[in-house]
């Protein structure tokens, strides 16, 4: 199932890039704004619960698609660009395997555990290095 969710992210990334190429406000704006959703990681300074909440709020398709809907309804080219960049960022993260976070820790995501210790330390427990 994980590969399907990562493929889904890749498709969202590709679609957002294609739409941005046609309707966006230039690749300089794209480059400046692409990692803005990652500022939500600062929530982890205040703890895992707030960190996960803020990260998930900025990395859920719900907010990005709502922004896209408002952009289309308002015919605002800037709002459309921001929505497409936001969607591209989420798709990029998902394609790389970075999912929505659980409160138990940054490495625990809906796509599985990320980072060096992906198997929860099982290799160390078995004596494999």
C-alpha atoms as a PDB file:
ATOM      1  CA  UNK A   1       0.000   0.000   0.000  1.00  0.00           C
ATOM      2  CA  UNK A   2       2.897   2.363   0.767  1.00  0.00           C
ATOM      3  CA  UNK A   3       4.096   2.344  -2.850  1.00  0.00           C
ATOM      4  CA  UNK A   4       0.611   3.340  -4.026  1.00  0.00           C
ATOM      5  CA  UNK A   5       0.477   6.297  -1.638  1.00  0.00           C
ATOM      6  CA  UNK A   6       3.941   7.401  -2.776  1.00  0.00           C
ATOM      7  CA  UNK A   7       2.888   7.054  -6.427  1.00  0.00           C
ATOM      8  CA  UNK A   8      -0.166   9.156  -5.635  1.00  0.00           C
ATOM      9  CA  UNK A   9       2.146  11.870  -4.310  1.00  0.00           C
ATOM     10  CA  UNK A  10       4.228  11.714  -7.476  1.00  0.00           C
ATOM     11  CA  UNK A  11       1.101  12.139  -9.607  1.00  0.00           C
ATOM     12  CA  UNK A  12      -0.014  15.148  -7.534  1.00  0.00           C
ATOM     13  CA  UNK A  13       3.463  16.665  -7.885  1.00  0.00           C
ATOM     14  CA  UNK A  14       3.445  16.168 -11.667  1.00  0.00           C
ATOM     15  CA  UNK A  15      -0.069  17.575 -12.076  1.00  0.00           C
ATOM     16  CA  UNK A  16       0.734  20.611  -9.915  1.00  0.00           C
ATOM     17  CA  UNK A  17       3.940  21.270 -11.877  1.00  0.00           C
ATOM     18  CA  UNK A  18       2.118  21.034 -15.203  1.00  0.00           C
ATOM     19  CA  UNK A  19      -0.636  23.369 -13.995  1.00  0.00           C
ATOM     20  CA  UNK A  20       1.923  25.778 -12.545  1.00  0.00           C
ATOM     21  CA  UNK A  21       3.850  25.838 -15.839  1.00  0.00           C
ATOM     22  CA  UNK A  22       0.658  26.987 -17.535  1.00  0.00           C
ATOM     23  CA  UNK A  23      -0.970  29.219 -14.888  1.00  0.00           C
ATOM     24  CA  UNK A  24       1.771  30.061 -12.381  1.00  0.00           C
ATOM     25  CA  UNK A  25       3.604  33.304 -11.665  1.00  0.00           C
ATOM     26  CA  UNK A  26       7.087  32.231 -12.708  1.00  0.00           C
ATOM     27  CA  UNK A  27       9.597  29.688 -11.501  1.00  0.00           C
ATOM     28  CA  UNK A  28      11.340  32.201  -9.243  1.00  0.00           C
ATOM     29  CA  UNK A  29       8.159  32.521  -7.179  1.00  0.00           C
ATOM     30  CA  UNK A  30       7.854  28.736  -7.201  1.00  0.00           C
ATOM     31  CA  UNK A  31      11.413  28.307  -5.893  1.00  0.00           C
ATOM     32  CA  UNK A  32      10.922  30.938  -3.169  1.00  0.00           C
ATOM     33  CA  UNK A  33       7.669  29.441  -1.917  1.00  0.00           C
ATOM     34  CA  UNK A  34       8.143  25.691  -2.407  1.00  0.00           C
ATOM     35  CA  UNK A  35       9.465  24.964   1.080  1.00  0.00           C
ATOM     36  CA  UNK A  36       7.226  27.430   2.971  1.00  0.00           C
ATOM     37  CA  UNK A  37       4.985  24.616   4.305  1.00  0.00           C
ATOM     38  CA  UNK A  38       8.049  23.222   6.085  1.00  0.00           C
ATOM     39  CA  UNK A  39       8.078  26.249   8.383  1.00  0.00           C
ATOM     40  CA  UNK A  40       5.385  24.310  10.241  1.00  0.00           C
ATOM     41  CA  UNK A  41       8.227  22.147  11.578  1.00  0.00           C
ATOM     42  CA  UNK A  42       8.935  24.983  14.011  1.00  0.00           C
ATOM     43  CA  UNK A  43       5.908  23.738  15.959  1.00  0.00           C
ATOM     44  CA  UNK A  44       8.083  20.872  17.189  1.00  0.00           C
ATOM     45  CA  UNK A  45       9.977  23.418  19.298  1.00  0.00           C
ATOM     46  CA  UNK A  46       6.848  23.595  21.469  1.00  0.00           C
ATOM     47  CA  UNK A  47       6.452  19.812  21.608  1.00  0.00           C
ATOM     48  CA  UNK A  48       5.464  16.779  19.597  1.00  0.00           C
ATOM     49  CA  UNK A  49       1.737  17.365  19.849  1.00  0.00           C
ATOM     50  CA  UNK A  50       1.774  20.915  18.508  1.00  0.00           C
ATOM     51  CA  UNK A  51       4.484  20.017  16.020  1.00  0.00           C
ATOM     52  CA  UNK A  52       2.422  17.178  14.557  1.00  0.00           C
ATOM     53  CA  UNK A  53      -0.716  19.331  14.490  1.00  0.00           C
ATOM     54  CA  UNK A  54       0.954  22.202  12.617  1.00  0.00           C
ATOM     55  CA  UNK A  55       2.886  19.913  10.290  1.00  0.00           C
ATOM     56  CA  UNK A  56      -0.253  17.953   9.393  1.00  0.00           C
ATOM     57  CA  UNK A  57      -2.254  21.153   8.866  1.00  0.00           C
ATOM     58  CA  UNK A  58       0.297  22.316   6.289  1.00  0.00           C
ATOM     59  CA  UNK A  59       0.876  18.902   4.706  1.00  0.00           C
ATOM     60  CA  UNK A  60      -2.699  17.719   4.268  1.00  0.00           C
ATOM     61  CA  UNK A  61      -4.393  17.938   0.891  1.00  0.00           C
ATOM     62  CA  UNK A  62      -7.436  19.438   2.656  1.00  0.00           C
ATOM     63  CA  UNK A  63      -5.944  22.909   3.083  1.00  0.00           C
ATOM     64  CA  UNK A  64      -4.228  22.964  -0.298  1.00  0.00           C
ATOM     65  CA  UNK A  65      -7.356  21.886  -2.186  1.00  0.00           C
ATOM     66  CA  UNK A  66      -9.470  24.386  -0.225  1.00  0.00           C
ATOM     67  CA  UNK A  67      -6.972  27.089  -1.235  1.00  0.00           C
ATOM     68  CA  UNK A  68      -7.179  25.880  -4.848  1.00  0.00           C
ATOM     69  CA  UNK A  69     -10.972  26.048  -4.742  1.00  0.00           C
ATOM     70  CA  UNK A  70     -10.908  29.594  -3.377  1.00  0.00           C
ATOM     71  CA  UNK A  71      -8.360  30.588  -6.021  1.00  0.00           C
ATOM     72  CA  UNK A  72     -10.563  29.270  -8.806  1.00  0.00           C
ATOM     73  CA  UNK A  73     -13.676  30.913  -7.345  1.00  0.00           C
ATOM     74  CA  UNK A  74     -11.934  34.267  -6.920  1.00  0.00           C
ATOM     75  CA  UNK A  75      -9.963  34.038 -10.184  1.00  0.00           C
ATOM     76  CA  UNK A  76      -6.883  35.229  -8.306  1.00  0.00           C
ATOM     77  CA  UNK A  77      -3.682  34.263 -10.164  1.00  0.00           C
ATOM     78  CA  UNK A  78      -1.590  34.647  -7.006  1.00  0.00           C
ATOM     79  CA  UNK A  79      -3.885  32.423  -4.943  1.00  0.00           C
ATOM     80  CA  UNK A  80      -3.815  29.866  -7.765  1.00  0.00           C
ATOM     81  CA  UNK A  81      -0.017  29.937  -7.810  1.00  0.00           C
ATOM     82  CA  UNK A  82       0.181  29.484  -4.034  1.00  0.00           C
ATOM     83  CA  UNK A  83      -2.292  26.583  -4.117  1.00  0.00           C
ATOM     84  CA  UNK A  84      -0.376  24.835  -6.900  1.00  0.00           C
ATOM     85  CA  UNK A  85       2.945  25.324  -5.119  1.00  0.00           C
ATOM     86  CA  UNK A  86       1.403  23.988  -1.903  1.00  0.00           C
ATOM     87  CA  UNK A  87       0.047  20.932  -3.722  1.00  0.00           C
ATOM     88  CA  UNK A  88       3.401  20.362  -5.418  1.00  0.00           C
ATOM     89  CA  UNK A  89       5.150  20.487  -2.047  1.00  0.00           C
ATOM     90  CA  UNK A  90       2.791  17.954  -0.501  1.00  0.00           C
ATOM     91  CA  UNK A  91       3.089  15.663  -3.519  1.00  0.00           C
ATOM     92  CA  UNK A  92       6.895  15.937  -3.386  1.00  0.00           C
ATOM     93  CA  UNK A  93       6.975  15.033   0.306  1.00  0.00           C
ATOM     94  CA  UNK A  94       4.606  12.104  -0.156  1.00  0.00           C
ATOM     95  CA  UNK A  95       6.565  10.792  -3.143  1.00  0.00           C
ATOM     96  CA  UNK A  96       9.681  10.791  -0.942  1.00  0.00           C
ATOM     97  CA  UNK A  97       7.816   8.897   1.774  1.00  0.00           C
ATOM     98  CA  UNK A  98       7.212  11.757   4.209  1.00  0.00           C
ATOM     99  CA  UNK A  99       3.706  11.333   5.492  1.00  0.00           C
ATOM    100  CA  UNK A 100       1.444  12.970   8.028  1.00  0.00           C
ATOM    101  CA  UNK A 101       2.893  12.820  11.526  1.00  0.00           C
ATOM    102  CA  UNK A 102       1.695  10.987  14.612  1.00  0.00           C
ATOM    103  CA  UNK A 103       2.128  12.614  18.027  1.00  0.00           C
ATOM    104  CA  UNK A 104       4.428   9.785  19.073  1.00  0.00           C
ATOM    105  CA  UNK A 105       7.287  11.373  17.153  1.00  0.00           C
ATOM    106  CA  UNK A 106       8.376  13.052  13.943  1.00  0.00           C
ATOM    107  CA  UNK A 107       9.592   9.793  12.405  1.00  0.00           C
ATOM    108  CA  UNK A 108       6.198   8.078  12.814  1.00  0.00           C
ATOM    109  CA  UNK A 109       4.056   8.842   9.769  1.00  0.00           C
ATOM    110  CA  UNK A 110       0.995   7.468   8.033  1.00  0.00           C
ATOM    111  CA  UNK A 111       3.374   6.138   5.359  1.00  0.00           C
ATOM    112  CA  UNK A 112       5.523   4.300   7.895  1.00  0.00           C
ATOM    113  CA  UNK A 113       8.590   5.162   9.923  1.00  0.00           C
ATOM    114  CA  UNK A 114      11.127   7.477   8.303  1.00  0.00           C
ATOM    115  CA  UNK A 115      14.799   7.905   9.029  1.00  0.00           C
ATOM    116  CA  UNK A 116      17.676   5.593   9.855  1.00  0.00           C
ATOM    117  CA  UNK A 117      15.828   3.444  12.383  1.00  0.00           C
ATOM    118  CA  UNK A 118      12.899   2.506  10.123  1.00  0.00           C
ATOM    119  CA  UNK A 119      12.342  -0.914  11.665  1.00  0.00           C
ATOM    120  CA  UNK A 120      12.178   0.383  15.235  1.00  0.00           C
ATOM    121  CA  UNK A 121      15.603  -0.949  16.169  1.00  0.00           C
ATOM    122  CA  UNK A 122      14.896  -4.564  15.214  1.00  0.00           C
ATOM    123  CA  UNK A 123      18.296  -4.931  13.547  1.00  0.00           C
ATOM    124  CA  UNK A 124      20.068  -3.854  16.715  1.00  0.00           C
ATOM    125  CA  UNK A 125      17.966  -6.213  18.810  1.00  0.00           C
ATOM    126  CA  UNK A 126      18.907  -9.069  16.471  1.00  0.00           C
ATOM    127  CA  UNK A 127      22.599  -8.143  16.626  1.00  0.00           C
ATOM    128  CA  UNK A 128      22.795  -6.987  13.001  1.00  0.00           C
ATOM    129  CA  UNK A 129      24.759  -3.812  12.337  1.00  0.00           C
END
